[in-house]
Amino acid sequence: MIVRMNNKDSKFYTYMGKQFGSRAIQNKTGDRIYDDDSKEWYIYLKDNKVCGFVSVNKNIIKNVYAVKESYLKELLNKVNKDIVIMPSVVTNIYVDVYKNSKFIVSDSSEYKNFVIITSLQAENVK
């Protein structure tokens, strides 16, 4: 199940509290996860446990994580359905999932462990 919430929702920290500051997530993604007020979170729950998430701030993806690529693909498909994603700097460990979820992936020498993704719909907005 995918839920959408922000840090004002009553169950947000019940689900996401352990994700913030998690060394396992940071080591896997090379990214730190923060609960900024301006983020909307798409959270993949299985048996009431967080198995992945994508955070978005003003049409830009900020954080990406999943224990299984299939969970992330579902999350990205939901995000892509709801929002036109503008160029977003995200961890490069899920490149194949981004491509399979119909995002345009641009490598950038500016970022060592990250790539830039954009939804196909954003190309039509330009």
Protein backbone atom coordinates (compact mmCIF):
# COMPACT_ATOMS: atom_id res chain seq x y z
CA MET A 1 0.00 0.00 0.00
CA ILE A 2 1.21 3.50 -0.82
CA VAL A 3 0.24 6.41 1.42
CA ARG A 4 0.88 10.08 0.80
CA MET A 5 1.53 12.35 3.76
CA ASN A 6 3.66 15.13 5.19
CA ASN A 7 5.24 15.69 8.58
CA LYS A 8 2.04 17.29 9.92
CA ASP A 9 0.07 14.04 9.57
CA SER A 10 -0.59 12.24 12.85
CA LYS A 11 0.98 8.92 11.80
CA PHE A 12 3.92 10.40 9.90
CA TYR A 13 6.56 9.85 12.59
CA THR A 14 5.10 6.49 13.52
CA TYR A 15 6.00 5.37 10.00
CA MET A 16 8.96 7.56 9.13
CA GLY A 17 10.63 8.30 12.47
CA LYS A 18 13.18 5.49 12.23
CA GLN A 19 14.05 6.41 8.64
CA PHE A 20 15.55 9.76 9.63
CA GLY A 21 19.14 9.36 10.68
CA SER A 22 19.23 5.72 9.58
CA ARG A 23 22.81 4.77 8.81
CA ALA A 24 21.61 1.78 6.76
CA ILE A 25 19.62 4.06 4.44
CA GLN A 26 22.39 6.64 4.28
CA ASN A 27 24.99 3.97 3.47
CA LYS A 28 22.81 2.43 0.76
CA THR A 29 21.73 5.66 -0.92
CA GLY A 30 24.62 8.01 -0.15
CA ASP A 31 21.95 10.52 0.88
CA ARG A 32 20.67 11.86 4.18
CA ILE A 33 16.95 11.96 4.81
CA TYR A 34 15.36 15.01 6.47
CA ASP A 35 11.75 15.70 7.42
CA ASP A 36 11.50 19.19 5.92
CA ASP A 37 8.12 20.87 6.32
CA SER A 38 7.76 21.44 2.58
CA LYS A 39 8.05 17.78 1.53
CA GLU A 40 5.25 15.45 0.53
CA TRP A 41 6.08 11.80 1.14
CA TYR A 42 4.95 8.77 -0.82
CA ILE A 43 5.49 5.86 1.54
CA TYR A 44 5.31 2.20 0.59
CA LEU A 45 3.91 0.22 3.53
CA LYS A 46 3.84 -3.55 3.80
CA ASP A 47 2.44 -5.07 6.99
CA ASN A 48 2.50 -1.54 8.45
CA LYS A 49 6.27 -1.33 7.91
CA VAL A 50 8.03 1.22 5.68
CA CYS A 51 9.58 -0.58 2.72
CA GLY A 52 10.33 2.49 0.63
CA PHE A 53 9.63 6.16 0.13
CA VAL A 54 9.94 9.07 -2.26
CA SER A 55 9.81 12.66 -1.04
CA VAL A 56 8.80 15.53 -3.29
CA ASN A 57 9.12 19.29 -2.82
CA LYS A 58 7.50 21.54 -5.43
CA ASN A 59 7.67 19.02 -8.29
CA ILE A 60 11.23 17.98 -7.44
CA ILE A 61 12.08 14.59 -5.99
CA LYS A 62 14.34 15.00 -2.97
CA ASN A 63 14.74 11.50 -1.49
CA VAL A 64 14.42 7.97 -2.84
CA TYR A 65 14.76 4.67 -0.99
CA ALA A 66 13.32 1.17 -1.14
CA VAL A 67 14.22 -2.25 0.20
CA LYS A 68 13.12 -3.79 -3.12
CA GLU A 69 13.22 -2.28 -6.59
CA SER A 70 9.66 -3.45 -7.24
CA TYR A 71 8.46 -1.27 -4.34
CA LEU A 72 10.31 1.72 -5.72
CA LYS A 73 8.85 1.18 -9.18
CA GLU A 74 5.34 1.28 -7.71
CA LEU A 75 6.21 4.45 -5.78
CA LEU A 76 7.70 6.18 -8.82
CA ASN A 77 4.74 5.21 -10.99
CA LYS A 78 2.39 6.74 -8.41
CA VAL A 79 4.49 9.91 -8.17
CA ASN A 80 4.65 10.14 -11.98
CA LYS A 81 0.87 9.77 -12.15
CA ASP A 82 0.24 12.51 -9.56
CA ILE A 83 2.94 15.08 -10.34
CA VAL A 84 5.00 16.36 -13.26
CA ILE A 85 8.53 15.90 -11.93
CA MET A 86 10.99 18.58 -12.94
CA PRO A 87 14.75 17.86 -13.02
CA SER A 88 15.62 16.21 -9.71
CA VAL A 89 18.99 15.13 -8.31
CA VAL A 90 18.59 11.62 -6.90
CA THR A 91 20.81 8.74 -5.82
CA ASN A 92 22.23 6.79 -8.76
CA ILE A 93 21.75 3.31 -7.27
CA TYR A 94 18.27 3.03 -8.77
CA VAL A 95 19.08 4.12 -12.35
CA ASP A 96 17.42 1.08 -13.92
CA VAL A 97 14.27 1.62 -11.88
CA TYR A 98 14.08 5.28 -12.95
CA LYS A 99 14.38 4.27 -16.59
CA ASN A 100 11.80 1.47 -16.21
CA SER A 101 9.47 3.98 -14.57
CA LYS A 102 9.62 6.24 -17.63
CA PHE A 103 11.89 8.94 -16.28
CA ILE A 104 14.53 10.61 -18.39
CA VAL A 105 17.90 9.98 -16.74
CA SER A 106 20.80 12.36 -17.27
CA ASP A 107 24.24 11.57 -15.96
CA SER A 108 26.06 14.56 -14.60
CA SER A 109 29.75 14.80 -13.93
CA GLU A 110 28.81 17.42 -11.34
CA TYR A 111 27.52 14.71 -9.00
CA LYS A 112 29.52 11.61 -8.02
CA ASN A 113 26.76 9.40 -6.58
CA PHE A 114 23.71 11.06 -8.09
CA VAL A 115 21.90 11.44 -11.41
CA ILE A 116 19.26 13.86 -12.64
CA ILE A 117 15.82 12.49 -13.47
CA THR A 118 12.89 14.21 -15.12
CA SER A 119 9.43 12.92 -15.94
CA LEU A 120 8.53 12.60 -19.61
CA GLN A 121 5.65 15.03 -19.04
CA ALA A 122 8.13 17.74 -17.96
CA GLU A 123 9.67 17.68 -21.43
CA ASN A 124 6.32 18.90 -22.78
CA VAL A 125 6.22 21.73 -20.23
CA LYS A 126 9.44 23.34 -21.49
